[in-house]
Each structure stands twice: as C-alpha cells, then as structure tokens.
C-alpha atoms as a PDB file:
ATOM      1  CA  MET A   1     -15.991  -2.431  -3.227  1.00  0.00           C
ATOM      2  CA  HIS A   2     -17.951  -0.686  -0.512  1.00  0.00           C
ATOM      3  CA  SER A   3     -17.656   2.914   0.581  1.00  0.00           C
ATOM      4  CA  LEU A   4     -15.260   3.636   3.433  1.00  0.00           C
ATOM      5  CA  ASP A   5     -18.047   3.780   5.998  1.00  0.00           C
ATOM      6  CA  LEU A   6     -19.459   0.451   4.868  1.00  0.00           C
ATOM      7  CA  GLN A   7     -15.992  -1.056   5.173  1.00  0.00           C
ATOM      8  CA  VAL A   8     -15.850   0.250   8.749  1.00  0.00           C
ATOM      9  CA  LEU A   9     -19.198  -1.363   9.567  1.00  0.00           C
ATOM     10  CA  HIS A  10     -18.127  -4.645   7.984  1.00  0.00           C
ATOM     11  CA  THR A  11     -14.926  -4.684  10.041  1.00  0.00           C
ATOM     12  CA  ALA A  12     -16.795  -3.818  13.246  1.00  0.00           C
ATOM     13  CA  TRP A  13     -19.259  -6.619  12.531  1.00  0.00           C
ATOM     14  CA  GLN A  14     -16.402  -9.118  12.032  1.00  0.00           C
ATOM     15  CA  TRP A  15     -14.684  -8.018  15.245  1.00  0.00           C
ATOM     16  CA  ARG A  16     -17.855  -8.517  17.284  1.00  0.00           C
ATOM     17  CA  LEU A  17     -18.393 -11.972  15.785  1.00  0.00           C
ATOM     18  CA  GLN A  18     -14.843 -12.797  16.898  1.00  0.00           C
ATOM     19  CA  GLY A  19     -15.763 -11.804  20.460  1.00  0.00           C
ATOM     20  CA  HIS A  20     -13.998  -8.443  20.705  1.00  0.00           C
ATOM     21  CA  ARG A  21     -15.369  -5.365  22.455  1.00  0.00           C
ATOM     22  CA  VAL A  22     -15.960  -2.698  19.821  1.00  0.00           C
ATOM     23  CA  TRP A  23     -16.954   0.960  19.767  1.00  0.00           C
ATOM     24  CA  LEU A  24     -18.360   2.763  16.760  1.00  0.00           C
ATOM     25  CA  LEU A  25     -17.159   6.361  16.426  1.00  0.00           C
ATOM     26  CA  THR A  26     -19.295   8.881  14.549  1.00  0.00           C
ATOM     27  CA  VAL A  27     -18.289  12.450  13.685  1.00  0.00           C
ATOM     28  CA  MET A  28     -21.277  14.453  14.911  1.00  0.00           C
ATOM     29  CA  GLU A  29     -20.175  18.050  14.409  1.00  0.00           C
ATOM     30  CA  THR A  30     -17.118  19.938  13.199  1.00  0.00           C
ATOM     31  CA  TRP A  31     -16.033  23.547  13.600  1.00  0.00           C
ATOM     32  CA  GLY A  32     -13.465  25.240  11.405  1.00  0.00           C
ATOM     33  CA  SER A  33     -11.408  23.022   9.147  1.00  0.00           C
ATOM     34  CA  ALA A  34     -11.807  19.280   9.762  1.00  0.00           C
ATOM     35  CA  PRO A  35     -10.472  16.245   7.853  1.00  0.00           C
ATOM     36  CA  ARG A  36     -13.734  14.258   8.070  1.00  0.00           C
ATOM     37  CA  GLN A  37     -17.289  15.450   7.650  1.00  0.00           C
ATOM     38  CA  PRO A  38     -20.267  14.825   9.992  1.00  0.00           C
ATOM     39  CA  GLY A  39     -21.457  11.263   9.642  1.00  0.00           C
ATOM     40  CA  ALA A  40     -17.995   9.791   9.013  1.00  0.00           C
ATOM     41  CA  LEU A  41     -17.354   6.538  10.860  1.00  0.00           C
ATOM     42  CA  ALA A  42     -14.522   4.657  12.512  1.00  0.00           C
ATOM     43  CA  ALA A  43     -14.499   1.493  14.617  1.00  0.00           C
ATOM     44  CA  LEU A  44     -12.258   0.940  17.626  1.00  0.00           C
ATOM     45  CA  ARG A  45     -11.407  -2.423  19.178  1.00  0.00           C
ATOM     46  CA  ALA A  46     -10.621  -2.899  22.875  1.00  0.00           C
ATOM     47  CA  ASP A  47      -7.013  -3.858  22.096  1.00  0.00           C
ATOM     48  CA  GLY A  48      -6.492  -0.565  20.238  1.00  0.00           C
ATOM     49  CA  GLN A  49      -7.031  -1.685  16.647  1.00  0.00           C
ATOM     50  CA  LEU A  50      -8.782   0.890  14.464  1.00  0.00           C
ATOM     51  CA  ALA A  51     -10.782   0.790  11.232  1.00  0.00           C
ATOM     52  CA  GLY A  52     -11.516   4.034   9.408  1.00  0.00           C
ATOM     53  CA  SER A  53     -10.758   7.512  10.710  1.00  0.00           C
ATOM     54  CA  VAL A  54     -12.382  10.553  12.272  1.00  0.00           C
ATOM     55  CA  SER A  55      -9.461  12.998  11.972  1.00  0.00           C
ATOM     56  CA  GLY A  56      -5.905  13.272  10.742  1.00  0.00           C
ATOM     57  CA  GLY A  57      -4.694  10.623  13.193  1.00  0.00           C
ATOM     58  CA  CYS A  58      -3.960  12.221  16.579  1.00  0.00           C
ATOM     59  CA  VAL A  59      -7.552  11.981  17.783  1.00  0.00           C
ATOM     60  CA  GLU A  60      -7.532   8.295  16.910  1.00  0.00           C
ATOM     61  CA  GLU A  61      -4.290   7.806  18.840  1.00  0.00           C
ATOM     62  CA  ASP A  62      -5.815   9.408  21.927  1.00  0.00           C
ATOM     63  CA  LEU A  63      -8.922   7.228  21.688  1.00  0.00           C
ATOM     64  CA  MET A  64      -6.820   4.079  21.238  1.00  0.00           C
ATOM     65  CA  ALA A  65      -4.758   5.004  24.294  1.00  0.00           C
ATOM     66  CA  ARG A  66      -7.943   5.503  26.318  1.00  0.00           C
ATOM     67  CA  VAL A  67      -9.404   2.087  25.551  1.00  0.00           C
ATOM     68  CA  CYS A  68      -6.039   0.399  26.091  1.00  0.00           C
ATOM     69  CA  ARG A  69      -6.031   1.972  29.583  1.00  0.00           C
ATOM     70  CA  GLY A  70      -9.465   0.432  30.176  1.00  0.00           C
ATOM     71  CA  GLU A  71     -11.356   3.704  29.765  1.00  0.00           C
ATOM     72  CA  GLY A  72     -13.804   2.393  27.182  1.00  0.00           C
ATOM     73  CA  VAL A  73     -17.298   3.778  27.772  1.00  0.00           C
ATOM     74  CA  GLU A  74     -20.205   1.416  28.376  1.00  0.00           C
ATOM     75  CA  THR A  75     -23.000   3.707  27.180  1.00  0.00           C
ATOM     76  CA  LEU A  76     -23.443   6.251  24.398  1.00  0.00           C
ATOM     77  CA  SER A  77     -21.081   9.134  25.127  1.00  0.00           C
ATOM     78  CA  PHE A  78     -19.948  12.326  23.467  1.00  0.00           C
ATOM     79  CA  VAL A  79     -16.383  13.603  23.380  1.00  0.00           C
ATOM     80  CA  ARG A  80     -15.053  16.834  21.925  1.00  0.00           C
ATOM     81  CA  TYR A  81     -11.547  17.592  20.634  1.00  0.00           C
ATOM     82  CA  GLY A  82      -9.935  20.883  19.740  1.00  0.00           C
ATOM     83  CA  VAL A  83     -11.846  23.154  22.105  1.00  0.00           C
ATOM     84  CA  SER A  84      -8.804  25.434  22.307  1.00  0.00           C
ATOM     85  CA  PRO A  85      -6.090  26.370  19.766  1.00  0.00           C
ATOM     86  CA  GLU A  86      -3.556  24.448  21.858  1.00  0.00           C
ATOM     87  CA  GLU A  87      -5.672  21.299  21.882  1.00  0.00           C
ATOM     88  CA  ALA A  88      -6.443  21.670  18.178  1.00  0.00           C
ATOM     89  CA  ALA A  89      -2.709  21.760  17.482  1.00  0.00           C
ATOM     90  CA  ARG A  90      -2.091  18.789  19.764  1.00  0.00           C
ATOM     91  CA  PHE A  91      -4.666  16.640  17.983  1.00  0.00           C
ATOM     92  CA  GLY A  92      -3.676  17.677  14.495  1.00  0.00           C
ATOM     93  CA  LEU A  93      -6.852  19.624  13.723  1.00  0.00           C
ATOM     94  CA  PRO A  94      -6.000  22.277  11.105  1.00  0.00           C
ATOM     95  CA  CYS A  95      -6.873  25.963  11.329  1.00  0.00           C
ATOM     96  CA  GLY A  96      -8.079  25.731  14.915  1.00  0.00           C
ATOM     97  CA  GLY A  97     -10.714  23.151  13.985  1.00  0.00           C
ATOM     98  CA  ALA A  98     -12.758  21.170  16.491  1.00  0.00           C
ATOM     99  CA  LEU A  99     -14.959  18.114  16.336  1.00  0.00           C
ATOM    100  CA  ARG A 100     -17.462  16.280  18.496  1.00  0.00           C
ATOM    101  CA  LEU A 101     -17.650  12.497  18.370  1.00  0.00           C
ATOM    102  CA  LEU A 102     -20.230   9.961  19.455  1.00  0.00           C
ATOM    103  CA  LEU A 103     -18.763   6.847  21.091  1.00  0.00           C
ATOM    104  CA  GLU A 104     -21.174   3.950  20.702  1.00  0.00           C
ATOM    105  CA  PRO A 105     -20.452   0.557  22.296  1.00  0.00           C
ATOM    106  CA  LEU A 106     -21.558  -2.200  19.929  1.00  0.00           C
ATOM    107  CA  ALA A 107     -23.529  -5.032  21.487  1.00  0.00           C
ATOM    108  CA  ASP A 108     -26.111  -6.414  19.073  1.00  0.00           C
ATOM    109  CA  VAL A 109     -24.754  -6.132  15.521  1.00  0.00           C
ATOM    110  CA  GLY A 110     -27.716  -7.725  13.768  1.00  0.00           C
ATOM    111  CA  TRP A 111     -28.545  -4.342  12.282  1.00  0.00           C
ATOM    112  CA  ILE A 112     -25.088  -4.196  10.658  1.00  0.00           C
ATOM    113  CA  ASP A 113     -25.667  -7.591   9.052  1.00  0.00           C
ATOM    114  CA  GLU A 114     -29.013  -6.390   7.655  1.00  0.00           C
ATOM    115  CA  LEU A 115     -27.610  -3.053   6.514  1.00  0.00           C
ATOM    116  CA  LEU A 116     -24.718  -4.717   4.678  1.00  0.00           C
ATOM    117  CA  ARG A 117     -27.089  -7.171   3.029  1.00  0.00           C
ATOM    118  CA  CYS A 118     -29.346  -4.380   1.768  1.00  0.00           C
ATOM    119  CA  THR A 119     -26.545  -2.145   0.512  1.00  0.00           C
ATOM    120  CA  ALA A 120     -24.981  -5.139  -1.274  1.00  0.00           C
ATOM    121  CA  GLN A 121     -28.232  -5.223  -3.254  1.00  0.00           C
ATOM    122  CA  HIS A 122     -27.734  -1.526  -4.082  1.00  0.00           C
ATOM    123  CA  GLU A 123     -30.489  -0.392  -1.743  1.00  0.00           C
ATOM    124  CA  LEU A 124     -30.380   2.834   0.227  1.00  0.00           C
ATOM    125  CA  VAL A 125     -30.752   2.273   3.974  1.00  0.00           C
ATOM    126  CA  MET A 126     -31.265   4.821   6.728  1.00  0.00           C
ATOM    127  CA  ARG A 127     -29.841   3.953  10.135  1.00  0.00           C
ATOM    128  CA  CYS A 128     -31.815   5.493  12.992  1.00  0.00           C
ATOM    129  CA  LEU A 129     -30.104   5.530  16.395  1.00  0.00           C
ATOM    130  CA  ASP A 130     -32.062   6.381  19.528  1.00  0.00           C
ATOM    131  CA  LEU A 131     -29.589   8.473  21.547  1.00  0.00           C
ATOM    132  CA  SER A 132     -31.347   7.773  24.823  1.00  0.00           C
ATOM    133  CA  THR A 133     -31.444   3.967  24.577  1.00  0.00           C
ATOM    134  CA  GLY A 134     -28.811   3.094  21.956  1.00  0.00           C
ATOM    135  CA  LYS A 135     -31.392   1.119  19.965  1.00  0.00           C
ATOM    136  CA  VAL A 136     -30.843   0.985  16.195  1.00  0.00           C
ATOM    137  CA  THR A 137     -33.595   0.613  13.608  1.00  0.00           C
ATOM    138  CA  LEU A 138     -33.308   0.560   9.814  1.00  0.00           C
ATOM    139  CA  GLU A 139     -35.576   2.258   7.309  1.00  0.00           C
ATOM    140  CA  ALA A 140     -35.572   2.721   3.556  1.00  0.00           C
ATOM    141  CA  GLY A 141     -33.349   5.648   2.604  1.00  0.00           C
ATOM    142  CA  ALA A 142     -33.635   8.137  -0.230  1.00  0.00           C
ATOM    143  CA  ARG A 143     -31.085  10.016  -2.299  1.00  0.00           C
ATOM    144  CA  GLY A 144     -30.470  13.517  -1.050  1.00  0.00           C
ATOM    145  CA  GLN A 145     -31.041  12.666   2.619  1.00  0.00           C
ATOM    146  CA  ALA A 146     -28.187  14.087   4.648  1.00  0.00           C
ATOM    147  CA  PHE A 147     -26.703  13.010   7.964  1.00  0.00           C
ATOM    148  CA  MET A 148     -28.638  14.628  10.788  1.00  0.00           C
ATOM    149  CA  PHE A 149     -29.218  14.398  14.525  1.00  0.00           C
ATOM    150  CA  ASN A 150     -31.098  16.100  17.335  1.00  0.00           C
ATOM    151  CA  ASP A 151     -31.439  15.493  21.056  1.00  0.00           C
ATOM    152  CA  GLN A 152     -33.291  12.212  20.503  1.00  0.00           C
ATOM    153  CA  HIS A 153     -32.075  10.598  17.290  1.00  0.00           C
ATOM    154  CA  LEU A 154     -29.217  10.238  14.814  1.00  0.00           C
ATOM    155  CA  ARG A 155     -30.018   9.416  11.185  1.00  0.00           C
ATOM    156  CA  ALA A 156     -27.519   8.436   8.490  1.00  0.00           C
ATOM    157  CA  VAL A 157     -28.039   6.986   5.015  1.00  0.00           C
ATOM    158  CA  PHE A 158     -25.877   4.183   3.647  1.00  0.00           C
ATOM    159  CA  GLY A 159     -25.640   2.870   0.119  1.00  0.00           C
ATOM    160  CA  PRO A 160     -24.963   4.364  -3.326  1.00  0.00           C
ATOM    161  CA  ARG A 161     -26.241   7.912  -2.938  1.00  0.00           C
ATOM    162  CA  TRP A 162     -24.819   8.700  -6.379  1.00  0.00           C
ATOM    163  CA  ARG A 163     -25.202   6.471  -9.439  1.00  0.00           C
ATOM    164  CA  LEU A 164     -23.048   6.067 -12.530  1.00  0.00           C
ATOM    165  CA  LEU A 165     -24.159   4.375 -15.746  1.00  0.00           C
ATOM    166  CA  ILE A 166     -21.201   3.368 -17.915  1.00  0.00           C
ATOM    167  CA  VAL A 167     -21.825   2.258 -21.490  1.00  0.00           C
ATOM    168  CA  GLY A 168     -19.053  -0.029 -22.686  1.00  0.00           C
ATOM    169  CA  ALA A 169     -17.137  -2.737 -20.832  1.00  0.00           C
ATOM    170  CA  GLY A 170     -13.610  -2.031 -22.073  1.00  0.00           C
ATOM    171  CA  GLN A 171     -10.431  -1.334 -20.092  1.00  0.00           C
ATOM    172  CA  ILE A 172     -11.163   2.331 -19.482  1.00  0.00           C
ATOM    173  CA  SER A 173     -14.668   1.494 -18.253  1.00  0.00           C
ATOM    174  CA  GLN A 174     -13.368  -1.098 -15.793  1.00  0.00           C
ATOM    175  CA  ALA A 175     -10.816   1.350 -14.401  1.00  0.00           C
ATOM    176  CA  VAL A 176     -13.465   4.097 -14.124  1.00  0.00           C
ATOM    177  CA  ALA A 177     -15.881   1.723 -12.380  1.00  0.00           C
ATOM    178  CA  GLY A 178     -13.337   0.689  -9.752  1.00  0.00           C
ATOM    179  CA  MET A 179     -12.466   4.292  -8.931  1.00  0.00           C
ATOM    180  CA  ALA A 180     -16.099   5.435  -8.903  1.00  0.00           C
ATOM    181  CA  LEU A 181     -17.010   2.736  -6.404  1.00  0.00           C
ATOM    182  CA  THR A 182     -14.373   4.036  -3.980  1.00  0.00           C
ATOM    183  CA  VAL A 183     -15.991   7.497  -3.992  1.00  0.00           C
ATOM    184  CA  ASP A 184     -19.477   6.179  -3.167  1.00  0.00           C
ATOM    185  CA  PHE A 185     -21.011   5.795  -6.623  1.00  0.00           C
ATOM    186  CA  GLY A 186     -23.234   2.838  -7.346  1.00  0.00           C
ATOM    187  CA  VAL A 187     -21.981   1.634 -10.742  1.00  0.00           C
ATOM    188  CA  VAL A 188     -23.920  -0.029 -13.538  1.00  0.00           C
ATOM    189  CA  CYS A 189     -22.065  -1.064 -16.695  1.00  0.00           C
ATOM    190  CA  CYS A 190     -24.155  -1.691 -19.781  1.00  0.00           C
ATOM    191  CA  ASP A 191     -22.806  -3.419 -22.909  1.00  0.00           C
ATOM    192  CA  PRO A 192     -24.910  -5.566 -25.261  1.00  0.00           C
ATOM    193  CA  ARG A 193     -21.822  -6.804 -27.170  1.00  0.00           C
ATOM    194  CA  GLU A 194     -21.231 -10.456 -26.305  1.00  0.00           C
ATOM    195  CA  GLU A 195     -17.480 -10.239 -26.883  1.00  0.00           C
ATOM    196  CA  TYR A 196     -17.152  -7.760 -23.993  1.00  0.00           C
ATOM    197  CA  GLN A 197     -19.521  -9.281 -21.465  1.00  0.00           C
ATOM    198  CA  ALA A 198     -17.297 -12.120 -20.252  1.00  0.00           C
ATOM    199  CA  SER A 199     -14.389  -9.760 -19.514  1.00  0.00           C
ATOM    200  CA  TRP A 200     -16.248  -7.507 -17.046  1.00  0.00           C
ATOM    201  CA  ASN A 201     -14.776  -8.075 -13.596  1.00  0.00           C
ATOM    202  CA  VAL A 202     -15.419  -5.191 -11.198  1.00  0.00           C
ATOM    203  CA  PRO A 203     -16.647  -6.480  -7.802  1.00  0.00           C
ATOM    204  CA  GLY A 204     -19.368  -4.275  -6.356  1.00  0.00           C
ATOM    205  CA  SER A 205     -20.689  -3.127  -9.724  1.00  0.00           C
ATOM    206  CA  VAL A 206     -23.708  -4.350 -11.694  1.00  0.00           C
ATOM    207  CA  PHE A 207     -23.402  -5.532 -15.287  1.00  0.00           C
ATOM    208  CA  SER A 208     -26.293  -5.331 -17.748  1.00  0.00           C
ATOM    209  CA  PRO A 209     -26.374  -6.756 -21.293  1.00  0.00           C
ATOM    210  CA  ALA A 210     -29.347  -4.541 -22.180  1.00  0.00           C
ATOM    211  CA  MET A 211     -29.323  -1.925 -24.913  1.00  0.00           C
ATOM    212  CA  PRO A 212     -27.953   1.377 -23.526  1.00  0.00           C
ATOM    213  CA  ASP A 213     -31.101   3.427 -24.070  1.00  0.00           C
ATOM    214  CA  ASP A 214     -33.246   0.755 -22.429  1.00  0.00           C
ATOM    215  CA  GLU A 215     -30.921   0.646 -19.411  1.00  0.00           C
ATOM    216  CA  ALA A 216     -31.018   4.437 -19.061  1.00  0.00           C
ATOM    217  CA  VAL A 217     -34.833   4.371 -19.059  1.00  0.00           C
ATOM    218  CA  ALA A 218     -34.944   1.488 -16.579  1.00  0.00           C
ATOM    219  CA  MET A 219     -32.637   3.340 -14.167  1.00  0.00           C
ATOM    220  CA  THR A 220     -34.931   6.401 -14.098  1.00  0.00           C
ATOM    221  CA  LEU A 221     -31.971   8.797 -14.181  1.00  0.00           C
ATOM    222  CA  ASP A 222     -32.208  11.616 -11.644  1.00  0.00           C
ATOM    223  CA  ALA A 223     -30.127  14.543 -10.398  1.00  0.00           C
ATOM    224  CA  HIS A 224     -27.872  12.134  -8.496  1.00  0.00           C
ATOM    225  CA  SER A 225     -27.081  10.134 -11.647  1.00  0.00           C
ATOM    226  CA  ALA A 226     -24.198  10.387 -14.107  1.00  0.00           C
ATOM    227  CA  VAL A 227     -23.791   8.785 -17.536  1.00  0.00           C
ATOM    228  CA  LEU A 228     -20.587   7.949 -19.402  1.00  0.00           C
ATOM    229  CA  ALA A 229     -20.606   6.734 -23.016  1.00  0.00           C
ATOM    230  CA  LEU A 230     -17.244   5.002 -23.449  1.00  0.00           C
ATOM    231  CA  THR A 231     -17.594   2.487 -26.309  1.00  0.00           C
ATOM    232  CA  HIS A 232     -16.239   4.637 -29.196  1.00  0.00           C
ATOM    233  CA  ASP A 233     -19.155   3.137 -31.141  1.00  0.00           C
ATOM    234  CA  PRO A 234     -21.685   5.864 -32.018  1.00  0.00           C
ATOM    235  CA  ARG A 235     -24.408   3.261 -32.502  1.00  0.00           C
ATOM    236  CA  LEU A 236     -24.224   2.535 -28.766  1.00  0.00           C
ATOM    237  CA  ASP A 237     -22.970   5.801 -27.324  1.00  0.00           C
ATOM    238  CA  ASP A 238     -25.498   7.954 -29.164  1.00  0.00           C
ATOM    239  CA  MET A 239     -28.349   5.700 -28.024  1.00  0.00           C
ATOM    240  CA  VAL A 240     -27.713   6.353 -24.362  1.00  0.00           C
ATOM    241  CA  LEU A 241     -27.020  10.047 -24.942  1.00  0.00           C
ATOM    242  CA  LEU A 242     -30.423  10.494 -26.598  1.00  0.00           C
ATOM    243  CA  GLU A 243     -32.037   9.405 -23.323  1.00  0.00           C
ATOM    244  CA  ALA A 244     -29.549  10.859 -20.851  1.00  0.00           C
ATOM    245  CA  LEU A 245     -29.534  14.378 -22.286  1.00  0.00           C
ATOM    246  CA  LYS A 246     -33.295  14.604 -21.719  1.00  0.00           C
ATOM    247  CA  SER A 247     -32.968  13.420 -18.117  1.00  0.00           C
ATOM    248  CA  PRO A 248     -32.066  15.337 -14.913  1.00  0.00           C
ATOM    249  CA  ALA A 249     -28.688  13.497 -14.734  1.00  0.00           C
ATOM    250  CA  PHE A 250     -26.078  15.900 -13.310  1.00  0.00           C
ATOM    251  CA  TYR A 251     -23.269  14.722 -15.607  1.00  0.00           C
ATOM    252  CA  ILE A 252     -23.273  13.269 -19.131  1.00  0.00           C
ATOM    253  CA  GLY A 253     -19.977  12.635 -20.916  1.00  0.00           C
ATOM    254  CA  ALA A 254     -18.757  10.792 -24.000  1.00  0.00           C
ATOM    255  CA  LEU A 255     -15.363   9.504 -25.059  1.00  0.00           C
ATOM    256  CA  GLY A 256     -13.898  10.875 -28.286  1.00  0.00           C
ATOM    257  CA  SER A 257     -11.795  13.642 -29.804  1.00  0.00           C
ATOM    258  CA  ARG A 258     -12.964  17.231 -30.139  1.00  0.00           C
ATOM    259  CA  GLY A 259     -13.667  16.581 -33.816  1.00  0.00           C
ATOM    260  CA  ASN A 260     -15.725  13.495 -33.018  1.00  0.00           C
ATOM    261  CA  THR A 261     -17.550  15.425 -30.297  1.00  0.00           C
ATOM    262  CA  GLU A 262     -18.619  18.044 -32.826  1.00  0.00           C
ATOM    263  CA  LYS A 263     -19.800  15.331 -35.244  1.00  0.00           C
ATOM    264  CA  ARG A 264     -21.706  13.691 -32.390  1.00  0.00           C
ATOM    265  CA  ARG A 265     -23.440  16.970 -31.612  1.00  0.00           C
ATOM    266  CA  GLU A 266     -24.468  17.259 -35.262  1.00  0.00           C
ATOM    267  CA  ARG A 267     -25.930  13.734 -35.191  1.00  0.00           C
ATOM    268  CA  LEU A 268     -27.791  14.388 -31.959  1.00  0.00           C
ATOM    269  CA  ALA A 269     -29.329  17.532 -33.469  1.00  0.00           C
ATOM    270  CA  LEU A 270     -31.116  15.324 -36.016  1.00  0.00           C
ATOM    271  CA  PHE A 271     -33.233  13.828 -33.223  1.00  0.00           C
ATOM    272  CA  ASP A 272     -35.764  15.225 -30.752  1.00  0.00           C
ATOM    273  CA  LEU A 273     -33.240  17.097 -28.632  1.00  0.00           C
ATOM    274  CA  THR A 274     -33.134  20.832 -28.068  1.00  0.00           C
ATOM    275  CA  ALA A 275     -29.937  22.833 -28.418  1.00  0.00           C
ATOM    276  CA  ALA A 276     -29.927  23.360 -24.636  1.00  0.00           C
ATOM    277  CA  GLN A 277     -30.112  19.620 -24.034  1.00  0.00           C
ATOM    278  CA  ILE A 278     -27.250  18.901 -26.433  1.00  0.00           C
ATOM    279  CA  ASP A 279     -25.224  21.640 -24.724  1.00  0.00           C
ATOM    280  CA  ARG A 280     -25.205  19.519 -21.559  1.00  0.00           C
ATOM    281  CA  LEU A 281     -22.716  17.086 -23.099  1.00  0.00           C
ATOM    282  CA  HIS A 282     -19.166  16.924 -21.713  1.00  0.00           C
ATOM    283  CA  GLY A 283     -16.743  16.073 -24.496  1.00  0.00           C
ATOM    284  CA  PRO A 284     -14.043  15.031 -24.839  1.00  0.00           C
ATOM    285  CA  VAL A 285     -14.751  13.448 -21.475  1.00  0.00           C
ATOM    286  CA  GLY A 286     -12.299  13.953 -18.614  1.00  0.00           C
ATOM    287  CA  LEU A 287      -9.843  16.602 -17.429  1.00  0.00           C
ATOM    288  CA  ASP A 288      -6.645  17.269 -19.331  1.00  0.00           C
ATOM    289  CA  LEU A 289      -4.052  15.506 -17.185  1.00  0.00           C
ATOM    290  CA  GLY A 290      -1.778  14.566 -20.076  1.00  0.00           C
ATOM    291  CA  GLY A 291      -2.355  10.829 -19.684  1.00  0.00           C
ATOM    292  CA  ASN A 292      -3.097   8.332 -22.432  1.00  0.00           C
ATOM    293  CA  THR A 293      -3.199   4.904 -20.742  1.00  0.00           C
ATOM    294  CA  PRO A 294      -6.557   3.411 -19.688  1.00  0.00           C
ATOM    295  CA  GLY A 295      -5.739   4.006 -16.015  1.00  0.00           C
ATOM    296  CA  GLU A 296      -4.654   7.611 -16.551  1.00  0.00           C
ATOM    297  CA  MET A 297      -7.703   8.339 -18.686  1.00  0.00           C
ATOM    298  CA  ALA A 298      -9.915   6.847 -15.976  1.00  0.00           C
ATOM    299  CA  VAL A 299      -8.346   9.136 -13.352  1.00  0.00           C
ATOM    300  CA  ALA A 300      -9.090  12.142 -15.592  1.00  0.00           C
ATOM    301  CA  ILE A 301     -12.690  11.039 -16.130  1.00  0.00           C
ATOM    302  CA  VAL A 302     -13.456  10.346 -12.471  1.00  0.00           C
ATOM    303  CA  ALA A 303     -11.749  13.612 -11.470  1.00  0.00           C
ATOM    304  CA  GLU A 304     -14.087  15.541 -13.782  1.00  0.00           C
ATOM    305  CA  LEU A 305     -17.075  13.601 -12.474  1.00  0.00           C
ATOM    306  CA  ILE A 306     -16.193  14.509  -8.881  1.00  0.00           C
ATOM    307  CA  ALA A 307     -15.566  18.150  -9.793  1.00  0.00           C
ATOM    308  CA  VAL A 308     -18.977  18.518 -11.445  1.00  0.00           C
ATOM    309  CA  LYS A 309     -20.691  16.741  -8.531  1.00  0.00           C
ATOM    310  CA  ASN A 310     -19.041  19.158  -6.100  1.00  0.00           C
ATOM    311  CA  GLY A 311     -19.684  22.255  -8.227  1.00  0.00           C
ATOM    312  CA  VAL A 312     -15.991  22.963  -8.953  1.00  0.00           C
ATOM    313  CA  MET A 313     -15.037  24.935 -12.050  1.00  0.00           C
ATOM    314  CA  LEU A 314     -13.483  22.729 -14.754  1.00  0.00           C
ATOM    315  CA  SER A 315     -10.336  24.717 -15.451  1.00  0.00           C
ATOM    316  CA  GLN A 316      -8.172  21.744 -16.464  1.00  0.00           C
ATOM    317  CA  LYS A 317      -9.755  21.116 -19.886  1.00  0.00           C
ATOM    318  CA  LYS A 318      -8.263  21.020 -23.372  1.00  0.00           C
ATOM    319  CA  ALA A 319      -8.883  24.163 -25.394  1.00  0.00           C
ATOM    320  CA  GLY A 320     -12.012  23.762 -27.487  1.00  0.00           C
ATOM    321  CA  SER A 321     -13.543  20.997 -25.364  1.00  0.00           C
ATOM    322  CA  TRP A 322     -17.307  21.096 -25.172  1.00  0.00           C
ATOM    323  CA  MET A 323     -18.739  21.377 -21.688  1.00  0.00           C
ATOM    324  CA  PRO A 324     -21.670  23.055 -19.959  1.00  0.00           C
ATOM    325  CA  GLY A 325     -20.894  26.574 -18.797  1.00  0.00           C
ATOM    326  CA  ARG A 326     -18.378  27.261 -21.531  1.00  0.00           C
ATOM    327  CA  HIS A 327     -20.823  26.913 -24.404  1.00  0.00           C
ATOM    328  CA  SER A 328     -24.182  27.477 -22.748  1.00  0.00           C
ATOM    329  CA  ASN A 329     -25.944  28.801 -19.686  1.00  0.00           C
ATOM    330  CA  TYR A 330     -26.858  25.306 -18.481  1.00  0.00           C
ATOM    331  CA  VAL A 331     -26.528  24.780 -14.738  1.00  0.00           C
ATOM    332  CA  PRO A 332     -26.571  21.163 -13.435  1.00  0.00           C
ATOM    333  CA  ALA A 333     -29.417  20.234 -11.111  1.00  0.00           C
ATOM    334  CA  GLU A 334     -28.537  20.040  -7.422  1.00  0.00           C
END
C-alpha cells in the first residue's frame, strides 16, 4: 500500500488519463487546531469527485460545490478558510482553526508517473513546484526533510520517510507490516527460514531472505529506522538486536514475555554491547491493550511504534515491562 498522499496522486493521475479536469489541493498553512497538517493532499475532479482530504469535510464540500458551479481556477490560486470564528464553525474547523490551501490545476501529469515509479522502488523523491509558473520538477529526497514553501517554491518529500525492519514472516509480522505501511513506513521483512518465505504476502513491502544481522547492516539503520524482532527464535531475534542496539534506530523491540525479555538481556550482555545499549530494548513489545490474537497484537505493536516516533509517553504498558525511560536515561534520537 501507498501512503494517503501517494494514493491521492495515483487517483489524480488516473483521472487525468481518463480525460477529466483535476485540481490538486495542498494544505499550505494551518492556524489553531486543524485536522490535516501542512503538505497534506487531496485531488478534486470537475464533476465534484474527491480523493483524500484537507479538513474534516466541510471545506471539501465547499470546494466541490465551487467546481460544480464552474468556478474551477485555471492557474495556481490560494484560498483560506476559517478566517473568523463563525467561518471556522461553518467549515468544521475545531477550536477556531484556519487553513490556507493551494489549488493547482493539473495539466501535465508526467511528473506524477515518475514520482510513483520512484516511490514504488522505495526511493525518496522531492517535488519542487514553481509557484509563479506551475512547473514541477523532481529531485532526490532525504529523510528528515519537511514540507516547506516560500514566495517562489513549494517543496514536499514523498516516499517512506520512516523505515521498519521486521524479522520473522509469521502472522503477527504480516499484520504489523500492513498497518505500518498505512502510516508511511517503508517495510522490509527479513526471514531466512524457507518454510516462511512462500507465505509472505504484503503488497508494498520488501521481503529479504538474508540473515537478520546482515540485513540490518545493509539497511544502514538511522534515526528514522525501527526494528522489530518477532520470530520467537533467539537465534534470529538476538542476531538482529546485536546490530540494531548499536545503531541510531529510534525504536527496537522484541516479542516475548517479561521473563524471556530478562533472559534475552542476559544473553545480550555476553556480547559487545554496553548496558546503555541494551537498555534501549522495548520488551515485551507493544502496548498493553489486552489482546492476544495476531491482529490485536499487531495493533498494540504499531501503536507503541507510533507513540515512540511521536515522543508520547508509554503509559499503557504491563507492569515490569522493559522500555527506555523506565529503566534508563536513554532518549531516542530525533
């Protein structure tokens, strides 16, 4: 699966190929509380069909009504909603919020085709829009680059800005991979066991039969990377942990009970890891949501992953669980 914004671009591209007039909507700025952040995309068709969203719904309804009345703009234009409390209430913007949108008529969509091709190969791509001419160029993107604009240009990065390495291709791993893809993680599953390789079926992810430690080294784990050891086999899980715990990866977790987590920590201490590095391990992995099916466990794992990425305190953990902050002074890299 693609991220929501990539889905919007794919839909806009299809609409143009079918001969429809299409506008791309970009959230440029928000004030107060807003449902979508700057850079979020939606696509609007001349007959009122919409892909994606830029607000809670009322702004989209107003834009659809405008184009259905024949008010579609022909050049790059800005529009602002919620400039007063009354208008904010009318358009469903909470807490007196406001937002400014860029309305961009799509003519040549060759850049969308190229962008989708590159992101399908797990490349990061920066879209550069000239606000005076409407011309779009593509450049190589980099992790950590944020959406930005000035009087001349708009720049936005597409592709997997966050990466997740999953060791193990079982049911839990497949459920985790599907969910992680929907929240903009590029997912790599690594499992050298032949009996598991044929069962991996998560469109949008990458499967590797390499040994876990080799895959971790090849990925060059950085502060936008996360690692999950989910095989229940210490011969595989411990291999990737030995590499991941020495890396800048922002999250490293392993499946297993609290007792098995303590035994794992004792095994890891026999190798060239410092106590501070071992203290980075999240275990048992996932928040305590009371679930025990593969799907429920996957929800708990991805929820913890998102919380750590966003710097949210992990309050929903089982007593005695090992995690950074509770047992050490480790602070994840930004």
